[in-house]
N, C-alpha and C. Protein backbone atom coordinates (compact mmCIF):
# COMPACT_ATOMS: atom_id res chain seq x y z
N MET A 1 112.98 83.39 121.36
CA MET A 1 112.14 84.10 120.42
C MET A 1 111.16 84.97 121.22
N THR A 2 111.04 86.22 120.83
CA THR A 2 110.12 87.12 121.53
C THR A 2 108.68 86.78 121.15
N LYS A 3 107.75 87.34 121.90
CA LYS A 3 106.33 87.11 121.59
C LYS A 3 105.98 87.64 120.21
N LYS A 4 106.53 88.79 119.88
CA LYS A 4 106.27 89.38 118.56
C LYS A 4 106.81 88.45 117.45
N GLU A 5 107.99 87.92 117.66
CA GLU A 5 108.57 87.00 116.68
C GLU A 5 107.74 85.72 116.57
N LYS A 6 107.21 85.24 117.69
CA LYS A 6 106.34 84.05 117.67
C LYS A 6 105.09 84.33 116.86
N ILE A 7 104.50 85.48 117.08
CA ILE A 7 103.30 85.85 116.32
C ILE A 7 103.61 85.88 114.83
N GLU A 8 104.69 86.53 114.46
CA GLU A 8 105.05 86.67 113.05
C GLU A 8 105.39 85.32 112.42
N SER A 9 106.14 84.51 113.12
CA SER A 9 106.51 83.20 112.61
C SER A 9 105.29 82.31 112.41
N THR A 10 104.43 82.29 113.40
CA THR A 10 103.21 81.49 113.32
C THR A 10 102.31 81.99 112.20
N ALA A 11 102.12 83.29 112.15
CA ALA A 11 101.26 83.89 111.12
C ALA A 11 101.81 83.59 109.73
N ARG A 12 103.09 83.74 109.57
CA ARG A 12 103.71 83.47 108.27
C ARG A 12 103.44 82.04 107.83
N GLU A 13 103.64 81.10 108.73
CA GLU A 13 103.40 79.69 108.42
C GLU A 13 101.93 79.47 108.03
N LEU A 14 101.03 80.03 108.81
CA LEU A 14 99.59 79.86 108.52
C LEU A 14 99.18 80.58 107.24
N PHE A 15 99.67 81.80 107.04
CA PHE A 15 99.32 82.55 105.84
C PHE A 15 99.80 81.84 104.58
N TRP A 16 101.03 81.35 104.61
CA TRP A 16 101.60 80.70 103.44
C TRP A 16 100.77 79.47 103.07
N LYS A 17 100.30 78.77 104.08
CA LYS A 17 99.56 77.52 103.86
C LYS A 17 98.10 77.75 103.49
N HIS A 18 97.43 78.68 104.17
CA HIS A 18 95.99 78.84 104.02
C HIS A 18 95.56 80.17 103.40
N GLY A 19 96.50 81.08 103.19
CA GLY A 19 96.15 82.44 102.79
C GLY A 19 95.83 83.24 104.03
N PHE A 20 95.88 84.54 103.94
CA PHE A 20 95.64 85.33 105.14
C PHE A 20 94.17 85.60 105.39
N LYS A 21 93.34 85.44 104.37
CA LYS A 21 91.91 85.69 104.53
C LYS A 21 91.28 84.67 105.49
N LYS A 22 91.67 83.40 105.38
CA LYS A 22 91.06 82.33 106.16
C LYS A 22 91.60 82.21 107.58
N VAL A 23 92.77 82.78 107.82
CA VAL A 23 93.41 82.65 109.13
C VAL A 23 92.89 83.75 110.06
N SER A 24 92.47 83.36 111.24
CA SER A 24 91.95 84.35 112.19
C SER A 24 93.03 84.78 113.18
N ILE A 25 92.81 85.92 113.78
CA ILE A 25 93.71 86.40 114.82
C ILE A 25 93.71 85.42 115.99
N ASP A 26 92.54 84.87 116.31
CA ASP A 26 92.46 83.87 117.39
C ASP A 26 93.33 82.66 117.10
N GLU A 27 93.32 82.21 115.86
CA GLU A 27 94.14 81.06 115.48
C GLU A 27 95.63 81.39 115.61
N ILE A 28 96.01 82.57 115.19
CA ILE A 28 97.41 83.00 115.31
C ILE A 28 97.81 83.05 116.78
N CYS A 29 96.97 83.64 117.62
CA CYS A 29 97.26 83.76 119.05
C CYS A 29 97.38 82.38 119.70
N LYS A 30 96.44 81.51 119.38
CA LYS A 30 96.44 80.17 119.97
C LYS A 30 97.71 79.41 119.59
N LYS A 31 98.05 79.41 118.30
CA LYS A 31 99.23 78.66 117.84
C LYS A 31 100.54 79.28 118.29
N SER A 32 100.55 80.57 118.53
CA SER A 32 101.80 81.22 118.97
C SER A 32 101.86 81.37 120.49
N HIS A 33 100.80 80.88 121.18
CA HIS A 33 100.73 80.89 122.64
C HIS A 33 100.85 82.30 123.23
N VAL A 34 100.09 83.22 122.62
CA VAL A 34 100.02 84.58 123.14
C VAL A 34 98.54 84.97 123.25
N SER A 35 98.27 85.93 124.08
CA SER A 35 96.90 86.42 124.25
C SER A 35 96.55 87.41 123.14
N ARG A 36 95.27 87.65 122.98
CA ARG A 36 94.83 88.68 122.02
C ARG A 36 95.38 90.04 122.43
N LYS A 37 95.42 90.28 123.73
CA LYS A 37 95.95 91.55 124.23
C LYS A 37 97.40 91.73 123.78
N THR A 38 98.18 90.67 123.88
CA THR A 38 99.58 90.73 123.43
C THR A 38 99.63 90.99 121.93
N TYR A 39 98.78 90.29 121.19
CA TYR A 39 98.73 90.49 119.74
C TYR A 39 98.49 91.97 119.42
N TYR A 40 97.47 92.55 120.06
CA TYR A 40 97.10 93.94 119.77
C TYR A 40 98.11 94.94 120.32
N THR A 41 99.03 94.49 121.13
CA THR A 41 100.14 95.34 121.56
C THR A 41 101.03 95.67 120.36
N TYR A 42 101.14 94.70 119.46
CA TYR A 42 102.03 94.84 118.31
C TYR A 42 101.32 95.23 117.01
N TYR A 43 100.07 94.78 116.85
CA TYR A 43 99.38 94.98 115.57
C TYR A 43 97.95 95.47 115.78
N ALA A 44 97.56 96.46 115.03
CA ALA A 44 96.21 97.02 115.15
C ALA A 44 95.15 96.07 114.62
N ASN A 45 95.55 95.25 113.63
CA ASN A 45 94.62 94.31 113.01
C ASN A 45 95.42 93.27 112.22
N LYS A 46 94.73 92.38 111.54
CA LYS A 46 95.42 91.34 110.79
C LYS A 46 96.15 91.92 109.58
N SER A 47 95.57 92.90 108.94
CA SER A 47 96.23 93.52 107.78
C SER A 47 97.58 94.11 108.16
N ALA A 48 97.65 94.72 109.32
CA ALA A 48 98.93 95.30 109.78
C ALA A 48 99.99 94.21 109.94
N LEU A 49 99.58 93.05 110.43
CA LEU A 49 100.52 91.92 110.56
C LEU A 49 100.95 91.42 109.19
N VAL A 50 100.01 91.25 108.29
CA VAL A 50 100.33 90.80 106.93
C VAL A 50 101.31 91.76 106.28
N ILE A 51 101.04 93.04 106.35
CA ILE A 51 101.90 94.05 105.74
C ILE A 51 103.29 94.02 106.36
N ASN A 52 103.37 93.88 107.67
CA ASN A 52 104.66 93.80 108.35
C ASN A 52 105.47 92.60 107.85
N ILE A 53 104.82 91.46 107.76
CA ILE A 53 105.51 90.24 107.29
C ILE A 53 105.96 90.40 105.85
N LEU A 54 105.09 90.95 105.02
CA LEU A 54 105.45 91.13 103.61
C LEU A 54 106.56 92.16 103.44
N ASP A 55 106.54 93.22 104.23
CA ASP A 55 107.61 94.22 104.16
C ASP A 55 108.96 93.61 104.52
N LYS A 56 108.98 92.79 105.56
CA LYS A 56 110.23 92.13 105.95
C LYS A 56 110.71 91.17 104.87
N LEU A 57 109.78 90.39 104.32
CA LEU A 57 110.13 89.46 103.26
C LEU A 57 110.64 90.21 102.03
N ASN A 58 109.97 91.30 101.68
CA ASN A 58 110.38 92.09 100.53
C ASN A 58 111.78 92.68 100.74
N SER A 59 112.06 93.16 101.93
CA SER A 59 113.39 93.73 102.22
C SER A 59 114.47 92.67 102.04
N GLU A 60 114.21 91.48 102.55
CA GLU A 60 115.18 90.38 102.40
C GLU A 60 115.38 90.02 100.94
N MET A 61 114.28 89.90 100.20
CA MET A 61 114.35 89.50 98.79
C MET A 61 115.01 90.58 97.94
N MET A 62 114.68 91.84 98.21
CA MET A 62 115.27 92.93 97.42
C MET A 62 116.78 93.02 97.64
N LEU A 63 117.21 92.75 98.85
CA LEU A 63 118.64 92.74 99.14
C LEU A 63 119.33 91.66 98.31
N LEU A 64 118.78 90.46 98.31
CA LEU A 64 119.35 89.36 97.52
C LEU A 64 119.28 89.66 96.03
N TYR A 65 118.17 90.23 95.59
CA TYR A 65 117.97 90.57 94.19
C TYR A 65 119.03 91.58 93.72
N LYS A 66 119.21 92.61 94.52
CA LYS A 66 120.21 93.63 94.17
C LYS A 66 121.63 93.06 94.19
N GLN A 67 121.91 92.15 95.11
CA GLN A 67 123.23 91.51 95.14
C GLN A 67 123.48 90.73 93.86
N ILE A 68 122.47 90.04 93.39
CA ILE A 68 122.61 89.29 92.13
C ILE A 68 122.85 90.25 90.98
N ILE A 69 122.02 91.27 90.87
CA ILE A 69 122.13 92.22 89.77
C ILE A 69 123.48 92.95 89.78
N ASP A 70 123.97 93.28 90.95
CA ASP A 70 125.22 94.02 91.07
C ASP A 70 126.47 93.15 90.97
N SER A 71 126.29 91.85 90.89
CA SER A 71 127.45 90.95 90.82
C SER A 71 128.14 91.07 89.46
N GLU A 72 129.30 90.50 89.38
CA GLU A 72 130.10 90.54 88.15
C GLU A 72 129.79 89.37 87.21
N LYS A 73 128.74 88.64 87.49
CA LYS A 73 128.37 87.48 86.68
C LYS A 73 127.75 87.93 85.36
N SER A 74 127.66 86.99 84.43
CA SER A 74 127.04 87.29 83.14
C SER A 74 125.54 87.50 83.32
N PHE A 75 124.93 88.15 82.34
CA PHE A 75 123.50 88.38 82.36
C PHE A 75 122.75 87.06 82.49
N SER A 76 123.19 86.06 81.75
CA SER A 76 122.55 84.74 81.79
C SER A 76 122.62 84.13 83.19
N GLN A 77 123.78 84.21 83.82
CA GLN A 77 123.93 83.69 85.18
C GLN A 77 123.04 84.46 86.15
N LYS A 78 123.00 85.77 85.99
CA LYS A 78 122.15 86.59 86.86
C LYS A 78 120.68 86.21 86.69
N MET A 79 120.24 86.04 85.45
CA MET A 79 118.84 85.68 85.21
C MET A 79 118.52 84.32 85.84
N ASN A 80 119.43 83.37 85.71
CA ASN A 80 119.20 82.05 86.32
C ASN A 80 119.11 82.16 87.84
N GLU A 81 119.95 82.98 88.45
CA GLU A 81 119.92 83.16 89.90
C GLU A 81 118.66 83.90 90.34
N ILE A 82 118.25 84.89 89.56
CA ILE A 82 117.03 85.63 89.88
C ILE A 82 115.83 84.69 89.83
N MET A 83 115.76 83.86 88.78
CA MET A 83 114.65 82.93 88.67
C MET A 83 114.68 81.91 89.82
N ALA A 84 115.86 81.42 90.17
CA ALA A 84 115.97 80.48 91.29
C ALA A 84 115.49 81.13 92.59
N LEU A 85 115.85 82.39 92.79
CA LEU A 85 115.40 83.14 93.97
C LEU A 85 113.88 83.26 93.97
N LYS A 86 113.33 83.59 92.84
CA LYS A 86 111.87 83.74 92.71
C LYS A 86 111.16 82.41 92.96
N PHE A 87 111.69 81.33 92.40
CA PHE A 87 111.06 80.02 92.59
C PHE A 87 111.16 79.59 94.05
N ASP A 88 112.29 79.86 94.66
CA ASP A 88 112.47 79.51 96.08
C ASP A 88 111.49 80.30 96.95
N LEU A 89 111.31 81.56 96.64
CA LEU A 89 110.38 82.39 97.39
C LEU A 89 108.96 81.84 97.31
N ASN A 90 108.57 81.38 96.12
CA ASN A 90 107.21 80.93 95.89
C ASN A 90 106.95 79.48 96.29
N LYS A 91 107.98 78.74 96.66
CA LYS A 91 107.79 77.30 96.90
C LYS A 91 106.86 76.99 98.07
N ASP A 92 106.78 77.86 99.03
CA ASP A 92 105.93 77.60 100.20
C ASP A 92 104.57 78.28 100.13
N PHE A 93 104.34 79.09 99.11
CA PHE A 93 103.07 79.80 98.99
C PHE A 93 101.98 78.88 98.46
N SER A 94 100.84 78.88 99.12
CA SER A 94 99.68 78.17 98.59
C SER A 94 99.00 79.06 97.56
N MET A 95 98.17 78.46 96.75
CA MET A 95 97.41 79.26 95.78
C MET A 95 96.43 80.17 96.52
N GLU A 96 95.96 79.76 97.69
CA GLU A 96 95.08 80.60 98.49
C GLU A 96 95.79 81.88 98.91
N PHE A 97 97.06 81.75 99.28
CA PHE A 97 97.86 82.91 99.67
C PHE A 97 97.97 83.88 98.50
N VAL A 98 98.28 83.36 97.33
CA VAL A 98 98.41 84.20 96.14
C VAL A 98 97.08 84.89 95.83
N ALA A 99 96.00 84.15 95.87
CA ALA A 99 94.67 84.70 95.55
C ALA A 99 94.26 85.80 96.53
N ASP A 100 94.67 85.67 97.79
CA ASP A 100 94.27 86.65 98.80
C ASP A 100 94.80 88.06 98.53
N PHE A 101 95.90 88.18 97.81
CA PHE A 101 96.43 89.52 97.51
C PHE A 101 95.45 90.36 96.72
N PHE A 102 94.64 89.72 95.94
CA PHE A 102 93.77 90.44 95.02
C PHE A 102 92.32 90.43 95.47
N ASN A 103 92.11 90.08 96.73
CA ASN A 103 90.79 90.08 97.33
C ASN A 103 90.38 91.53 97.57
N PRO A 104 89.19 91.91 97.12
CA PRO A 104 88.75 93.31 97.31
C PRO A 104 88.71 93.74 98.79
N ASP A 105 88.57 92.78 99.70
CA ASP A 105 88.55 93.12 101.13
C ASP A 105 89.93 93.44 101.68
N ALA A 106 90.97 93.20 100.88
CA ALA A 106 92.34 93.40 101.33
C ALA A 106 93.00 94.56 100.59
N ALA A 107 92.29 95.65 100.43
CA ALA A 107 92.78 96.78 99.63
C ALA A 107 94.09 97.35 100.18
N ASP A 108 94.23 97.44 101.51
CA ASP A 108 95.45 97.98 102.09
C ASP A 108 96.65 97.06 101.83
N ILE A 109 96.41 95.76 101.85
CA ILE A 109 97.48 94.79 101.57
C ILE A 109 97.85 94.85 100.10
N LEU A 110 96.85 94.92 99.24
CA LEU A 110 97.12 95.02 97.80
C LEU A 110 97.89 96.30 97.48
N GLU A 111 97.52 97.40 98.10
CA GLU A 111 98.22 98.67 97.87
C GLU A 111 99.69 98.53 98.27
N ASN A 112 99.95 97.92 99.41
CA ASN A 112 101.32 97.71 99.86
C ASN A 112 102.07 96.79 98.90
N PHE A 113 101.41 95.71 98.50
CA PHE A 113 102.00 94.75 97.56
C PHE A 113 102.34 95.44 96.24
N ASN A 114 101.44 96.27 95.74
CA ASN A 114 101.68 96.97 94.48
C ASN A 114 102.88 97.91 94.57
N LYS A 115 103.10 98.51 95.73
CA LYS A 115 104.29 99.36 95.92
C LYS A 115 105.57 98.52 95.83
N MET A 116 105.53 97.34 96.43
CA MET A 116 106.69 96.44 96.37
C MET A 116 106.96 96.01 94.92
N VAL A 117 105.90 95.69 94.21
CA VAL A 117 106.02 95.27 92.82
C VAL A 117 106.58 96.41 91.97
N ALA A 118 106.10 97.62 92.18
CA ALA A 118 106.58 98.77 91.41
C ALA A 118 108.08 98.98 91.62
N GLU A 119 108.54 98.85 92.86
CA GLU A 119 109.97 98.99 93.15
C GLU A 119 110.77 97.91 92.42
N SER A 120 110.30 96.70 92.49
CA SER A 120 110.97 95.58 91.84
C SER A 120 110.99 95.75 90.32
N MET A 121 109.89 96.20 89.76
CA MET A 121 109.80 96.38 88.31
C MET A 121 110.74 97.48 87.84
N GLN A 122 110.90 98.54 88.61
CA GLN A 122 111.80 99.61 88.22
C GLN A 122 113.25 99.12 88.23
N ILE A 123 113.62 98.37 89.24
CA ILE A 123 114.97 97.81 89.31
C ILE A 123 115.20 96.84 88.15
N THR A 124 114.19 96.03 87.86
CA THR A 124 114.29 95.07 86.76
C THR A 124 114.44 95.79 85.43
N LYS A 125 113.67 96.85 85.23
CA LYS A 125 113.77 97.60 83.98
C LYS A 125 115.17 98.18 83.80
N THR A 126 115.73 98.75 84.82
CA THR A 126 117.10 99.30 84.76
C THR A 126 118.10 98.18 84.45
N PHE A 127 117.91 97.05 85.09
CA PHE A 127 118.76 95.88 84.85
C PHE A 127 118.69 95.46 83.39
N PHE A 128 117.49 95.39 82.83
CA PHE A 128 117.31 94.99 81.44
C PHE A 128 117.90 96.03 80.48
N VAL A 129 117.67 97.29 80.75
CA VAL A 129 118.22 98.35 79.88
C VAL A 129 119.74 98.26 79.86
N ASN A 130 120.34 98.11 81.03
CA ASN A 130 121.81 98.00 81.09
C ASN A 130 122.30 96.76 80.35
N ALA A 131 121.61 95.65 80.51
CA ALA A 131 122.00 94.41 79.83
C ALA A 131 121.87 94.57 78.32
N GLN A 132 120.84 95.24 77.90
CA GLN A 132 120.64 95.45 76.47
C GLN A 132 121.73 96.36 75.91
N GLN A 133 122.11 97.39 76.65
CA GLN A 133 123.17 98.30 76.21
C GLN A 133 124.52 97.59 76.13
N LYS A 134 124.72 96.58 76.96
CA LYS A 134 125.97 95.81 76.95
C LYS A 134 125.95 94.70 75.91
N GLY A 135 124.83 94.54 75.22
CA GLY A 135 124.72 93.49 74.21
C GLY A 135 124.43 92.11 74.80
N GLU A 136 123.99 92.07 76.04
CA GLU A 136 123.72 90.79 76.70
C GLU A 136 122.26 90.36 76.56
N MET A 137 121.43 91.26 76.07
CA MET A 137 120.01 90.98 75.92
C MET A 137 119.61 91.34 74.50
N ASN A 138 118.65 90.64 73.97
CA ASN A 138 118.20 90.84 72.61
C ASN A 138 117.97 92.33 72.33
N PRO A 139 118.74 92.91 71.39
CA PRO A 139 118.62 94.35 71.13
C PRO A 139 117.32 94.73 70.42
N GLU A 140 116.61 93.74 69.87
CA GLU A 140 115.37 94.02 69.16
C GLU A 140 114.17 94.14 70.09
N LEU A 141 114.35 93.73 71.34
CA LEU A 141 113.24 93.79 72.28
C LEU A 141 113.01 95.20 72.79
N ASN A 142 111.76 95.58 72.83
CA ASN A 142 111.36 96.85 73.42
C ASN A 142 111.20 96.58 74.93
N ILE A 143 112.05 97.18 75.74
CA ILE A 143 112.05 96.92 77.19
C ILE A 143 110.71 97.30 77.82
N ASP A 144 110.11 98.39 77.35
CA ASP A 144 108.80 98.76 77.89
C ASP A 144 107.77 97.67 77.63
N TYR A 145 107.85 97.05 76.45
CA TYR A 145 106.95 95.95 76.13
C TYR A 145 107.20 94.75 77.06
N VAL A 146 108.45 94.42 77.30
CA VAL A 146 108.79 93.31 78.19
C VAL A 146 108.24 93.58 79.59
N MET A 147 108.42 94.79 80.06
CA MET A 147 107.92 95.15 81.39
C MET A 147 106.40 95.10 81.43
N TRP A 148 105.75 95.55 80.37
CA TRP A 148 104.30 95.50 80.28
C TRP A 148 103.82 94.05 80.32
N MET A 149 104.52 93.18 79.58
CA MET A 149 104.16 91.74 79.58
C MET A 149 104.31 91.14 80.98
N MET A 150 105.37 91.50 81.66
CA MET A 150 105.56 91.00 83.02
C MET A 150 104.43 91.46 83.93
N GLN A 151 104.04 92.73 83.79
CA GLN A 151 102.94 93.26 84.60
C GLN A 151 101.63 92.55 84.27
N LYS A 152 101.38 92.31 83.00
CA LYS A 152 100.16 91.62 82.59
C LYS A 152 100.14 90.19 83.12
N GLN A 153 101.29 89.55 83.12
CA GLN A 153 101.35 88.20 83.67
C GLN A 153 100.98 88.21 85.15
N MET A 154 101.46 89.19 85.87
CA MET A 154 101.12 89.29 87.29
C MET A 154 99.61 89.47 87.47
N GLU A 155 99.02 90.28 86.61
CA GLU A 155 97.57 90.49 86.69
C GLU A 155 96.81 89.20 86.40
N LEU A 156 97.34 88.40 85.48
CA LEU A 156 96.70 87.13 85.16
C LEU A 156 96.74 86.15 86.33
N CYS A 157 97.69 86.33 87.21
CA CYS A 157 97.81 85.45 88.38
C CYS A 157 96.56 85.50 89.26
N THR A 158 95.76 86.51 89.09
CA THR A 158 94.56 86.66 89.91
C THR A 158 93.36 85.93 89.34
N THR A 159 93.48 85.46 88.11
CA THR A 159 92.32 84.83 87.48
C THR A 159 92.21 83.37 87.90
N PRO A 160 91.00 82.97 88.26
CA PRO A 160 90.79 81.56 88.64
C PRO A 160 91.18 80.59 87.53
N GLU A 161 90.98 81.02 86.27
CA GLU A 161 91.32 80.15 85.14
C GLU A 161 92.81 79.81 85.14
N LEU A 162 93.67 80.82 85.28
CA LEU A 162 95.11 80.57 85.30
C LEU A 162 95.51 79.79 86.55
N MET A 163 94.98 80.21 87.68
CA MET A 163 95.34 79.55 88.93
C MET A 163 94.97 78.07 88.92
N SER A 164 93.90 77.73 88.23
CA SER A 164 93.47 76.33 88.19
C SER A 164 94.40 75.46 87.35
N MET A 165 95.25 76.05 86.55
CA MET A 165 96.18 75.30 85.71
C MET A 165 97.38 74.76 86.47
N PHE A 166 97.61 75.26 87.68
CA PHE A 166 98.83 74.91 88.40
C PHE A 166 98.51 74.41 89.81
N PRO A 167 99.31 73.44 90.27
CA PRO A 167 99.05 72.88 91.61
C PRO A 167 99.51 73.79 92.75
N ASP A 168 100.46 74.69 92.45
CA ASP A 168 101.00 75.54 93.51
C ASP A 168 101.62 76.80 92.89
N ALA A 169 101.94 77.74 93.78
CA ALA A 169 102.46 79.03 93.34
C ALA A 169 103.83 78.91 92.68
N GLU A 170 104.66 77.99 93.16
CA GLU A 170 106.00 77.84 92.57
C GLU A 170 105.89 77.38 91.11
N THR A 171 105.03 76.42 90.84
CA THR A 171 104.86 75.92 89.47
C THR A 171 104.33 77.03 88.56
N MET A 172 103.37 77.79 89.05
CA MET A 172 102.83 78.90 88.27
C MET A 172 103.92 79.94 88.01
N SER A 173 104.67 80.29 89.03
CA SER A 173 105.74 81.27 88.90
C SER A 173 106.79 80.80 87.90
N ARG A 174 107.12 79.53 87.98
CA ARG A 174 108.11 78.94 87.07
C ARG A 174 107.63 79.06 85.62
N GLN A 175 106.39 78.69 85.37
CA GLN A 175 105.86 78.75 84.00
C GLN A 175 105.82 80.18 83.47
N LEU A 176 105.36 81.10 84.29
CA LEU A 176 105.28 82.49 83.86
C LEU A 176 106.68 83.05 83.58
N SER A 177 107.62 82.77 84.45
CA SER A 177 108.99 83.29 84.27
C SER A 177 109.65 82.69 83.04
N LEU A 178 109.53 81.39 82.88
CA LEU A 178 110.16 80.74 81.73
C LEU A 178 109.56 81.23 80.42
N SER A 179 108.26 81.51 80.42
CA SER A 179 107.64 81.98 79.18
C SER A 179 108.13 83.37 78.80
N ILE A 180 108.43 84.20 79.79
CA ILE A 180 108.98 85.54 79.50
C ILE A 180 110.44 85.42 79.05
N VAL A 181 111.23 84.66 79.78
CA VAL A 181 112.68 84.59 79.53
C VAL A 181 113.00 83.81 78.25
N TYR A 182 112.32 82.69 78.04
CA TYR A 182 112.67 81.84 76.90
C TYR A 182 111.62 81.76 75.81
N GLY A 183 110.42 82.26 76.07
CA GLY A 183 109.35 82.12 75.09
C GLY A 183 109.07 80.65 74.87
N ILE A 184 108.94 80.26 73.61
CA ILE A 184 108.66 78.85 73.30
C ILE A 184 109.91 78.08 72.93
N MET A 185 111.05 78.74 72.99
CA MET A 185 112.30 78.07 72.65
C MET A 185 112.76 77.21 73.84
N PRO A 186 113.45 76.10 73.54
CA PRO A 186 113.92 75.26 74.64
C PRO A 186 114.97 75.98 75.49
N VAL A 187 114.98 75.66 76.76
CA VAL A 187 115.97 76.23 77.68
C VAL A 187 117.32 75.60 77.37
N LYS A 188 118.34 76.45 77.23
CA LYS A 188 119.68 75.93 76.90
C LYS A 188 120.46 75.66 78.17
């Protein structure tokens, strides 16, 4: 593993557990056994490292997401796989990590995150429109409304009130996703 990979791996582990706000560059350097000078060879600051890690994670997830959407499976199977992918992604995130995205001190990270979300939402909207045209999704649903609800749910993730309802990011993600996909009806 290269020094850069050690930094990224260590940072990812620490960020997921404690959030990126609480983790210092010194802590990352110490745990990855690299000097600050080595760290700054690769990253101008901590935000640059966070953005790099998130960009790589987003690229991996978007590839998997697109593979699911482009598969020949039924809409229902695709939705189940998408939700499983989302839950798996969130299983290691602490609530501190989730909260840090919306910290006013992390404007550059939030801007980058919002770009990733916008890309994902556009792909999801196209997926839903196509599914609705094929008769696989409720034809009475207004797709723009569904997308708006999904966006509003994401915004709610920043509220301490909602975050306090769940022990971890995976549980919160699961509840939000299930409420959009199934509403109050039992999962079949």
